[in-house]
C-alpha cells in the first residue's frame, strides 16, 4: 500500500484517501484567454501534457481527509512520492528535492 503525506494534515495516509488532480504548476488561461482560443489551442490545453518519465510535479486532492489540494513530487517510474508541499508554493528546487530524497532513504 502506498502512503501519501498530506502537508495540511501533516500525516501519512493511505493512497485510497487521495485523488490525482493533474500536472502541478500548469499555467491555466484566464476566462478572456479561453474565449479567444481556437478549438485546436483549447484541445491542446485540455489534453496535451508533458507526461514526464521520472520525477514529476503533480497536484493531489485529499478527498477523504482534509479536502485540500496540494502538490507532490512523484517518480512516475517507481511510483514513489519524493515530497509533498502546500498549494501556492513554488516548485521545489533540485537541491530541495535531492534533500527530500535523501531523507526518505534514511527513513527506510
C-alpha atoms as a PDB file:
ATOM      1  CA  UNK A   1       0.000   0.000   0.000  1.00  0.00           C
ATOM      2  CA  UNK A   2       1.258   3.461  -0.885  1.00  0.00           C
ATOM      3  CA  UNK A   3       1.082   6.110   1.818  1.00  0.00           C
ATOM      4  CA  UNK A   4       0.980   9.796   0.907  1.00  0.00           C
ATOM      5  CA  UNK A   5       1.968  12.624   3.248  1.00  0.00           C
ATOM      6  CA  UNK A   6      -0.656  15.369   3.385  1.00  0.00           C
ATOM      7  CA  UNK A   7       1.110  18.668   4.115  1.00  0.00           C
ATOM      8  CA  UNK A   8      -2.083  20.092   5.657  1.00  0.00           C
ATOM      9  CA  UNK A   9      -2.926  17.175   7.982  1.00  0.00           C
ATOM     10  CA  UNK A  10       0.827  16.632   8.459  1.00  0.00           C
ATOM     11  CA  UNK A  11       0.494  12.855   8.434  1.00  0.00           C
ATOM     12  CA  UNK A  12       0.805   9.933   6.032  1.00  0.00           C
ATOM     13  CA  UNK A  13      -2.456   8.362   4.950  1.00  0.00           C
ATOM     14  CA  UNK A  14      -3.413   5.504   2.628  1.00  0.00           C
ATOM     15  CA  UNK A  15      -3.440   6.272  -1.087  1.00  0.00           C
ATOM     16  CA  UNK A  16      -7.154   5.451  -1.255  1.00  0.00           C
ATOM     17  CA  UNK A  17      -7.888   8.732   0.594  1.00  0.00           C
ATOM     18  CA  UNK A  18      -6.412  10.782  -2.265  1.00  0.00           C
ATOM     19  CA  UNK A  19      -7.197  11.557  -5.886  1.00  0.00           C
ATOM     20  CA  UNK A  20      -4.748  12.563  -8.601  1.00  0.00           C
ATOM     21  CA  UNK A  21      -5.638  16.000  -9.957  1.00  0.00           C
ATOM     22  CA  UNK A  22      -3.233  16.577 -12.843  1.00  0.00           C
ATOM     23  CA  UNK A  23       0.056  18.262 -13.520  1.00  0.00           C
ATOM     24  CA  UNK A  24       1.124  20.866 -10.956  1.00  0.00           C
ATOM     25  CA  UNK A  25       2.280  24.372 -11.833  1.00  0.00           C
ATOM     26  CA  UNK A  26       0.434  24.198 -15.154  1.00  0.00           C
ATOM     27  CA  UNK A  27      -0.463  27.710 -16.316  1.00  0.00           C
ATOM     28  CA  UNK A  28      -4.182  27.900 -16.879  1.00  0.00           C
ATOM     29  CA  UNK A  29      -5.613  30.520 -19.245  1.00  0.00           C
ATOM     30  CA  UNK A  30      -7.866  33.275 -17.939  1.00  0.00           C
ATOM     31  CA  UNK A  31     -11.529  33.318 -18.950  1.00  0.00           C
ATOM     32  CA  UNK A  32     -10.754  36.008 -21.516  1.00  0.00           C
ATOM     33  CA  UNK A  33      -7.884  33.948 -22.965  1.00  0.00           C
ATOM     34  CA  UNK A  34     -10.103  30.857 -23.079  1.00  0.00           C
ATOM     35  CA  UNK A  35     -12.763  32.743 -25.057  1.00  0.00           C
ATOM     36  CA  UNK A  36     -10.154  33.782 -27.630  1.00  0.00           C
ATOM     37  CA  UNK A  37      -8.580  30.315 -28.050  1.00  0.00           C
ATOM     38  CA  UNK A  38      -9.107  28.328 -31.235  1.00  0.00           C
ATOM     39  CA  UNK A  39     -10.568  24.828 -30.943  1.00  0.00           C
ATOM     40  CA  UNK A  40      -7.102  23.415 -31.682  1.00  0.00           C
ATOM     41  CA  UNK A  41      -5.491  25.525 -28.916  1.00  0.00           C
ATOM     42  CA  UNK A  42      -8.244  24.607 -26.453  1.00  0.00           C
ATOM     43  CA  UNK A  43      -7.850  20.922 -27.252  1.00  0.00           C
ATOM     44  CA  UNK A  44      -4.080  21.177 -26.768  1.00  0.00           C
ATOM     45  CA  UNK A  45      -4.583  22.934 -23.419  1.00  0.00           C
ATOM     46  CA  UNK A  46      -7.102  20.357 -22.206  1.00  0.00           C
ATOM     47  CA  UNK A  47      -5.420  17.139 -23.282  1.00  0.00           C
ATOM     48  CA  UNK A  48      -1.709  17.554 -24.028  1.00  0.00           C
ATOM     49  CA  UNK A  49       0.679  17.296 -21.066  1.00  0.00           C
ATOM     50  CA  UNK A  50       4.393  16.612 -20.704  1.00  0.00           C
ATOM     51  CA  UNK A  51       3.976  13.013 -19.407  1.00  0.00           C
ATOM     52  CA  UNK A  52       7.443  13.052 -17.868  1.00  0.00           C
ATOM     53  CA  UNK A  53       9.231   9.801 -17.109  1.00  0.00           C
ATOM     54  CA  UNK A  54      10.821  10.225 -13.681  1.00  0.00           C
ATOM     55  CA  UNK A  55      10.244  12.894 -11.054  1.00  0.00           C
ATOM     56  CA  UNK A  56       7.221  14.992 -11.867  1.00  0.00           C
ATOM     57  CA  UNK A  57       5.290  17.764 -10.084  1.00  0.00           C
ATOM     58  CA  UNK A  58       1.665  16.741  -9.611  1.00  0.00           C
ATOM     59  CA  UNK A  59      -1.462  18.074  -7.936  1.00  0.00           C
ATOM     60  CA  UNK A  60      -3.284  15.791  -5.472  1.00  0.00           C
ATOM     61  CA  UNK A  61      -6.531  16.107  -3.529  1.00  0.00           C
ATOM     62  CA  UNK A  62      -7.038  14.692  -0.011  1.00  0.00           C
ATOM     63  CA  UNK A  63     -10.681  13.992  -0.734  1.00  0.00           C
ATOM     64  CA  UNK A  64     -11.300  11.580   2.171  1.00  0.00           C
ATOM     65  CA  UNK A  65      -9.442  13.723   4.689  1.00  0.00           C
ATOM     66  CA  UNK A  66      -8.991  17.484   4.978  1.00  0.00           C
ATOM     67  CA  UNK A  67     -10.430  18.072   1.457  1.00  0.00           C
ATOM     68  CA  UNK A  68      -7.416  20.205   0.480  1.00  0.00           C
ATOM     69  CA  UNK A  69      -5.398  20.191  -2.734  1.00  0.00           C
ATOM     70  CA  UNK A  70      -1.605  20.016  -2.508  1.00  0.00           C
ATOM     71  CA  UNK A  71       1.371  19.423  -4.782  1.00  0.00           C
ATOM     72  CA  UNK A  72       3.745  16.470  -4.802  1.00  0.00           C
ATOM     73  CA  UNK A  73       6.947  15.428  -6.473  1.00  0.00           C
ATOM     74  CA  UNK A  74       6.415  11.800  -7.502  1.00  0.00           C
ATOM     75  CA  UNK A  75       8.601   9.485  -9.529  1.00  0.00           C
ATOM     76  CA  UNK A  76       6.412   8.124 -12.331  1.00  0.00           C
ATOM     77  CA  UNK A  77       8.727   5.131 -12.862  1.00  0.00           C
ATOM     78  CA  UNK A  78       8.864   3.879  -9.261  1.00  0.00           C
ATOM     79  CA  UNK A  79       5.538   5.447  -8.158  1.00  0.00           C
ATOM     80  CA  UNK A  80       7.298   6.766  -5.032  1.00  0.00           C
ATOM     81  CA  UNK A  81       6.480  10.154  -3.572  1.00  0.00           C
ATOM     82  CA  UNK A  82       9.624  12.190  -3.009  1.00  0.00           C
ATOM     83  CA  UNK A  83       7.898  15.078  -1.228  1.00  0.00           C
ATOM     84  CA  UNK A  84       4.635  16.971  -0.854  1.00  0.00           C
ATOM     85  CA  UNK A  85       4.051  20.689  -0.365  1.00  0.00           C
ATOM     86  CA  UNK A  86       1.166  23.111   0.029  1.00  0.00           C
ATOM     87  CA  UNK A  87      -0.593  24.795  -2.871  1.00  0.00           C
ATOM     88  CA  UNK A  88       0.699  28.233  -3.768  1.00  0.00           C
ATOM     89  CA  UNK A  89       4.322  27.363  -3.094  1.00  0.00           C
ATOM     90  CA  UNK A  90       6.806  27.320  -5.951  1.00  0.00           C
ATOM     91  CA  UNK A  91       8.073  24.054  -7.341  1.00  0.00           C
ATOM     92  CA  UNK A  92      10.955  22.938  -5.097  1.00  0.00           C
ATOM     93  CA  UNK A  93      14.481  23.364  -6.407  1.00  0.00           C
ATOM     94  CA  UNK A  94      16.597  20.376  -7.420  1.00  0.00           C
ATOM     95  CA  UNK A  95      18.553  20.838  -4.172  1.00  0.00           C
ATOM     96  CA  UNK A  96      15.335  20.626  -2.082  1.00  0.00           C
ATOM     97  CA  UNK A  97      14.146  17.551  -3.999  1.00  0.00           C
ATOM     98  CA  UNK A  98      17.540  15.853  -3.559  1.00  0.00           C
ATOM     99  CA  UNK A  99      17.454  16.584   0.192  1.00  0.00           C
ATOM    100  CA  UNK A 100      13.923  15.117   0.475  1.00  0.00           C
ATOM    101  CA  UNK A 101      15.007  12.030  -1.472  1.00  0.00           C
ATOM    102  CA  UNK A 102      17.980  11.504   0.909  1.00  0.00           C
ATOM    103  CA  UNK A 103      15.723  11.986   3.943  1.00  0.00           C
ATOM    104  CA  UNK A 104      13.290   9.373   2.606  1.00  0.00           C
ATOM    105  CA  UNK A 105      16.148   6.895   2.055  1.00  0.00           C
ATOM    106  CA  UNK A 106      17.381   7.420   5.618  1.00  0.00           C
ATOM    107  CA  UNK A 107      13.899   6.549   6.962  1.00  0.00           C
ATOM    108  CA  UNK A 108      13.788   3.210   5.140  1.00  0.00           C
END
